[in-house]
């Protein structure tokens, strides 16, 4: 297993992370749109080359997990960060309310089915963490999950799910899946502004959801749930990064840079050929030239 990329936004592994102390906005010097766009483009270029090597090396897969409150910018960040990536080597999975078929299995079953193959990049737009975030804020959803037993003290259930997630992610890491998780930390004030934009701008009306505004009423409960989840599951083999999300250009750039640095740490190489294979290739080259 690899060491996580160092960053000011790396969630520590000792349970000391506090949402109240996490930045939603970068320093003023880092907010320049042109500056961040230029650095994002440089990271995109690096990533395109790294993806080719990841695919050819075929020993690792990369799993990027994105979690956030509504309007934090998950979709646009995924689109911007993965710009120019060969779609044949990348797969995006979105996880909404589980289907009847998914509810007939454990909560990680649908996640297993969407994991990236070796050599590929998998992106989760929401993930298995919904079971310890949305369901924690709305425990009434447990009634439809057909669980054999629900503890009277629901804290036991969340701890059980965190344990399952830690074990699941460590198993994946041991077998070559590199996991990097991003919490896009948007402020309540900025979320309000983005919701208003969706109402006021006709071309953005389709993004607006009354349900998102209703969920905003549970803001404090969600922040408590995120703090608990990140502390329980940020580990060296599957680190969380709490990225400031009030500035979209900065957020996209920092996510892209962390992804690039993670891939660069893997020691990826294009496969080499044996002397015998090389000799055969040269013989065939001569044959093709004389054809």
Protein backbone atom coordinates (compact mmCIF):
# COMPACT_ATOMS: atom_id res chain seq x y z
CA UNK A 1 0.00 0.00 0.00
CA UNK A 2 1.19 3.50 -0.81
CA UNK A 3 1.58 6.50 1.45
CA UNK A 4 -1.13 9.17 1.03
CA UNK A 5 -0.22 12.45 -0.61
CA UNK A 6 0.64 15.09 1.96
CA UNK A 7 -1.73 18.05 1.99
CA UNK A 8 -3.10 20.67 4.35
CA UNK A 9 -6.48 19.13 3.57
CA UNK A 10 -5.61 15.54 4.46
CA UNK A 11 -7.99 14.38 7.19
CA UNK A 12 -5.80 13.03 10.03
CA UNK A 13 -6.00 9.37 10.97
CA UNK A 14 -6.33 9.95 14.73
CA UNK A 15 -9.95 11.12 14.89
CA UNK A 16 -9.05 14.77 15.52
CA UNK A 17 -10.77 16.25 12.45
CA UNK A 18 -13.33 18.96 13.19
CA UNK A 19 -15.70 20.29 10.55
CA UNK A 20 -15.84 23.65 12.34
CA UNK A 21 -12.10 24.08 11.78
CA UNK A 22 -12.08 22.97 8.14
CA UNK A 23 -11.68 25.72 5.55
CA UNK A 24 -14.43 26.28 2.99
CA UNK A 25 -12.44 29.00 1.21
CA UNK A 26 -8.73 29.04 0.32
CA UNK A 27 -6.43 31.89 1.26
CA UNK A 28 -7.03 35.10 -0.69
CA UNK A 29 -3.79 34.59 -2.63
CA UNK A 30 -5.11 31.27 -3.98
CA UNK A 31 -8.47 32.50 -5.30
CA UNK A 32 -7.39 33.87 -8.67
CA UNK A 33 -9.49 32.22 -11.39
CA UNK A 34 -6.84 32.49 -14.12
CA UNK A 35 -4.10 31.24 -11.80
CA UNK A 36 -6.09 28.17 -10.77
CA UNK A 37 -7.26 27.47 -14.32
CA UNK A 38 -3.66 27.48 -15.55
CA UNK A 39 -2.58 25.08 -12.79
CA UNK A 40 -5.60 22.84 -13.50
CA UNK A 41 -4.65 22.65 -17.18
CA UNK A 42 -1.09 21.66 -16.21
CA UNK A 43 -2.48 18.93 -13.93
CA UNK A 44 -4.82 17.72 -16.69
CA UNK A 45 -1.82 17.32 -19.00
CA UNK A 46 0.08 15.34 -16.37
CA UNK A 47 -2.94 13.16 -15.71
CA UNK A 48 -3.43 12.24 -19.35
CA UNK A 49 0.10 10.84 -19.49
CA UNK A 50 -0.26 9.12 -16.12
CA UNK A 51 -3.52 7.47 -17.15
CA UNK A 52 -1.86 5.91 -20.19
CA UNK A 53 0.88 4.50 -18.00
CA UNK A 54 -1.63 3.26 -15.40
CA UNK A 55 -3.51 1.42 -18.16
CA UNK A 56 -0.36 -0.11 -19.63
CA UNK A 57 1.15 -0.99 -16.24
CA UNK A 58 -2.09 -2.84 -15.34
CA UNK A 59 -1.21 -3.55 -11.70
CA UNK A 60 -3.28 -0.89 -9.95
CA UNK A 61 -6.68 0.68 -10.26
CA UNK A 62 -7.52 4.13 -8.91
CA UNK A 63 -10.81 4.78 -7.12
CA UNK A 64 -11.82 8.41 -6.56
CA UNK A 65 -14.71 8.95 -4.15
CA UNK A 66 -16.59 12.27 -4.10
CA UNK A 67 -18.97 13.23 -1.31
CA UNK A 68 -20.48 16.64 -0.64
CA UNK A 69 -23.55 18.59 0.22
CA UNK A 70 -25.82 19.56 -2.69
CA UNK A 71 -24.43 22.31 -4.97
CA UNK A 72 -20.85 21.78 -3.77
CA UNK A 73 -19.76 21.07 -7.35
CA UNK A 74 -19.19 17.31 -7.55
CA UNK A 75 -20.31 16.95 -11.17
CA UNK A 76 -18.42 19.96 -12.48
CA UNK A 77 -15.29 18.96 -10.55
CA UNK A 78 -15.34 15.44 -11.98
CA UNK A 79 -15.83 16.88 -15.46
CA UNK A 80 -13.04 19.46 -15.08
CA UNK A 81 -10.51 17.18 -13.38
CA UNK A 82 -10.97 14.35 -15.87
CA UNK A 83 -10.95 16.62 -18.93
CA UNK A 84 -9.11 14.95 -21.80
CA UNK A 85 -8.86 11.57 -20.09
CA UNK A 86 -9.37 8.61 -22.40
CA UNK A 87 -12.94 7.46 -21.60
CA UNK A 88 -11.94 3.86 -22.35
CA UNK A 89 -9.82 3.88 -19.20
CA UNK A 90 -12.27 5.64 -16.92
CA UNK A 91 -15.69 4.83 -15.48
CA UNK A 92 -18.06 7.02 -13.45
CA UNK A 93 -20.68 5.55 -11.11
CA UNK A 94 -23.42 7.54 -9.39
CA UNK A 95 -25.20 6.10 -6.38
CA UNK A 96 -28.71 7.26 -5.65
CA UNK A 97 -31.41 5.62 -3.52
CA UNK A 98 -30.87 1.84 -3.67
CA UNK A 99 -33.16 -0.23 -5.90
CA UNK A 100 -35.22 -3.19 -4.68
CA UNK A 101 -32.57 -5.53 -6.06
CA UNK A 102 -29.80 -3.66 -4.23
CA UNK A 103 -31.79 -3.72 -0.99
CA UNK A 104 -31.85 -7.52 -1.25
CA UNK A 105 -28.07 -7.45 -0.64
CA UNK A 106 -25.73 -5.88 1.88
CA UNK A 107 -25.00 -2.18 1.45
CA UNK A 108 -21.56 -2.78 -0.10
CA UNK A 109 -22.83 -5.16 -2.79
CA UNK A 110 -23.61 -2.49 -5.35
CA UNK A 111 -20.24 -0.89 -4.65
CA UNK A 112 -18.35 -4.10 -5.43
CA UNK A 113 -20.12 -4.28 -8.76
CA UNK A 114 -18.88 -0.83 -9.77
CA UNK A 115 -15.22 -1.09 -8.80
CA UNK A 116 -12.66 -0.23 -11.51
CA UNK A 117 -10.60 -2.95 -13.14
CA UNK A 118 -6.81 -2.91 -12.91
CA UNK A 119 -5.42 -0.20 -15.14
CA UNK A 120 -8.55 1.95 -14.92
CA UNK A 121 -9.78 4.96 -12.99
CA UNK A 122 -13.12 4.60 -11.24
CA UNK A 123 -15.06 7.63 -10.00
CA UNK A 124 -17.84 7.43 -7.44
CA UNK A 125 -20.23 10.37 -7.46
CA UNK A 126 -21.58 9.66 -3.98
CA UNK A 127 -20.78 6.22 -2.68
CA UNK A 128 -21.13 3.63 0.09
CA UNK A 129 -20.79 6.54 2.52
CA UNK A 130 -24.40 7.49 1.85
CA UNK A 131 -25.29 4.66 4.24
CA UNK A 132 -23.61 6.53 7.09
CA UNK A 133 -24.55 10.05 5.99
CA UNK A 134 -28.03 10.38 4.48
CA UNK A 135 -29.33 7.33 6.35
CA UNK A 136 -27.83 8.62 9.58
CA UNK A 137 -29.60 11.96 9.15
CA UNK A 138 -32.79 10.14 8.11
CA UNK A 139 -32.85 6.92 10.15
CA UNK A 140 -36.42 6.33 8.97
CA UNK A 141 -34.85 5.00 5.75
CA UNK A 142 -33.67 1.97 7.71
CA UNK A 143 -37.26 0.74 7.71
CA UNK A 144 -36.99 -0.15 4.03
CA UNK A 145 -33.60 -1.83 4.21
CA UNK A 146 -34.82 -5.26 5.36
CA UNK A 147 -32.08 -5.54 7.97
CA UNK A 148 -32.21 -8.62 10.18
CA UNK A 149 -31.51 -6.54 13.27
CA UNK A 150 -31.39 -2.82 14.06
CA UNK A 151 -29.79 -1.97 17.43
CA UNK A 152 -31.83 0.13 19.82
CA UNK A 153 -28.84 2.44 20.03
CA UNK A 154 -28.23 3.47 16.41
CA UNK A 155 -24.68 4.55 17.23
CA UNK A 156 -23.86 0.85 17.26
CA UNK A 157 -25.15 0.49 13.70
CA UNK A 158 -23.05 3.39 12.39
CA UNK A 159 -19.95 2.00 14.09
CA UNK A 160 -20.64 -1.39 12.51
CA UNK A 161 -20.92 0.22 9.09
CA UNK A 162 -17.71 2.18 9.60
CA UNK A 163 -15.96 -1.05 10.57
CA UNK A 164 -17.28 -2.75 7.42
CA UNK A 165 -16.14 0.18 5.28
CA UNK A 166 -12.65 0.25 6.80
CA UNK A 167 -12.21 -3.49 6.28
CA UNK A 168 -13.61 -3.29 2.74
CA UNK A 169 -11.31 -0.44 1.74
CA UNK A 170 -8.25 -2.05 3.31
CA UNK A 171 -8.97 -5.27 1.42
CA UNK A 172 -9.19 -3.31 -1.84
CA UNK A 173 -5.95 -1.46 -1.09
CA UNK A 174 -4.12 -4.71 -0.38
CA UNK A 175 -5.18 -5.94 -3.79
CA UNK A 176 -4.08 -2.97 -5.84
CA UNK A 177 -6.97 -0.49 -5.68
CA UNK A 178 -5.66 2.94 -4.70
CA UNK A 179 -8.44 4.83 -2.92
CA UNK A 180 -8.58 8.61 -2.63
CA UNK A 181 -11.67 10.24 -1.11
CA UNK A 182 -12.70 13.88 -1.43
CA UNK A 183 -15.17 15.75 0.73
CA UNK A 184 -15.94 18.98 -1.12
CA UNK A 185 -16.52 21.32 1.80
CA UNK A 186 -18.97 24.01 0.72
CA UNK A 187 -20.22 26.55 3.26
CA UNK A 188 -23.90 26.97 4.07
CA UNK A 189 -23.75 30.56 2.82
CA UNK A 190 -22.23 29.54 -0.54
CA UNK A 191 -24.76 26.73 -0.96
CA UNK A 192 -27.56 29.28 -0.49
CA UNK A 193 -26.01 31.51 -3.17
CA UNK A 194 -25.77 28.62 -5.64
CA UNK A 195 -29.36 27.57 -5.02
CA UNK A 196 -30.48 31.14 -5.71
CA UNK A 197 -28.47 31.14 -8.95
CA UNK A 198 -30.26 27.98 -10.03
CA UNK A 199 -33.58 29.72 -9.55
CA UNK A 200 -32.56 33.07 -11.10
CA UNK A 201 -30.70 31.74 -14.15
CA UNK A 202 -33.10 30.07 -16.64
CA UNK A 203 -30.38 27.83 -18.08
CA UNK A 204 -29.75 26.48 -14.56
CA UNK A 205 -33.40 25.90 -13.60
CA UNK A 206 -33.08 22.21 -14.44
CA UNK A 207 -30.51 21.82 -11.66
CA UNK A 208 -32.85 23.13 -8.99
CA UNK A 209 -34.53 20.64 -6.67
CA UNK A 210 -36.97 21.50 -3.91
CA UNK A 211 -35.71 18.42 -2.11
CA UNK A 212 -32.21 19.89 -1.94
CA UNK A 213 -33.57 22.93 -0.14
CA UNK A 214 -35.45 20.71 2.31
CA UNK A 215 -32.23 18.81 3.05
CA UNK A 216 -30.56 22.14 3.78
CA UNK A 217 -32.72 22.26 6.89
CA UNK A 218 -30.66 19.33 8.25
CA UNK A 219 -27.33 21.11 7.75
CA UNK A 220 -26.07 20.69 11.32
CA UNK A 221 -26.97 16.99 11.34
CA UNK A 222 -25.12 16.47 8.07
CA UNK A 223 -22.02 18.26 9.36
CA UNK A 224 -22.02 16.01 12.44
CA UNK A 225 -22.43 12.95 10.20
CA UNK A 226 -19.55 14.01 7.93
CA UNK A 227 -17.29 14.69 10.88
CA UNK A 228 -18.00 11.26 12.31
CA UNK A 229 -17.59 9.46 8.96
CA UNK A 230 -14.34 11.17 8.03
CA UNK A 231 -12.80 10.55 11.43
CA UNK A 232 -13.84 6.91 11.43
CA UNK A 233 -12.66 6.08 7.91
CA UNK A 234 -9.73 8.32 6.97
CA UNK A 235 -6.87 5.84 7.00
CA UNK A 236 -3.48 5.63 5.27
CA UNK A 237 -4.89 3.09 2.80
CA UNK A 238 -7.99 5.20 2.04
CA UNK A 239 -7.43 8.84 3.02
CA UNK A 240 -10.01 11.60 3.02
CA UNK A 241 -9.20 15.11 1.81
CA UNK A 242 -11.50 17.93 2.97
CA UNK A 243 -11.18 20.33 0.03
CA UNK A 244 -12.48 23.93 0.32
CA UNK A 245 -15.37 24.14 -2.15
CA UNK A 246 -16.51 27.77 -2.05
CA UNK A 247 -14.02 28.55 -4.83
CA UNK A 248 -14.67 26.10 -7.65
CA UNK A 249 -11.49 26.89 -9.63
CA UNK A 250 -9.32 26.29 -6.57
CA UNK A 251 -11.21 23.15 -5.60
CA UNK A 252 -10.84 21.60 -9.06
CA UNK A 253 -7.15 22.40 -9.23
CA UNK A 254 -6.38 20.93 -5.80
CA UNK A 255 -8.32 17.75 -6.51
CA UNK A 256 -6.49 17.33 -9.84
CA UNK A 257 -3.09 17.89 -8.22
CA UNK A 258 -3.75 15.34 -5.47
CA UNK A 259 -4.86 12.78 -8.07
CA UNK A 260 -1.71 13.41 -10.13
CA UNK A 261 0.59 13.15 -7.12
CA UNK A 262 -1.11 9.93 -6.08
CA UNK A 263 -0.59 8.36 -9.51
CA UNK A 264 3.02 9.57 -9.62
CA UNK A 265 3.71 7.84 -6.30
CA UNK A 266 2.82 4.42 -7.75
CA UNK A 267 6.01 3.95 -9.74
CA UNK A 268 4.05 3.18 -12.90
CA UNK A 269 5.96 1.89 -15.92
CA UNK A 270 5.22 0.80 -19.43
CA UNK A 271 5.75 -2.97 -19.74
CA UNK A 272 9.13 -4.04 -21.06
CA UNK A 273 9.56 -6.81 -23.61
CA UNK A 274 11.96 -9.73 -23.40
CA UNK A 275 14.99 -10.02 -25.64
CA UNK A 276 13.26 -12.82 -27.51
CA UNK A 277 10.13 -10.75 -28.08
CA UNK A 278 12.25 -7.81 -29.22
CA UNK A 279 14.13 -10.01 -31.67
CA UNK A 280 10.85 -11.28 -33.09
CA UNK A 281 9.55 -7.73 -33.45
CA UNK A 282 12.65 -6.76 -35.45
CA UNK A 283 12.22 -9.76 -37.73
CA UNK A 284 8.60 -8.81 -38.33
CA UNK A 285 9.66 -5.21 -38.97
CA UNK A 286 11.98 -6.41 -41.73
CA UNK A 287 9.12 -8.50 -43.11
CA UNK A 288 6.76 -5.52 -43.12
CA UNK A 289 9.30 -3.27 -44.83
CA UNK A 290 9.85 -5.80 -47.62
CA UNK A 291 6.11 -6.44 -48.07
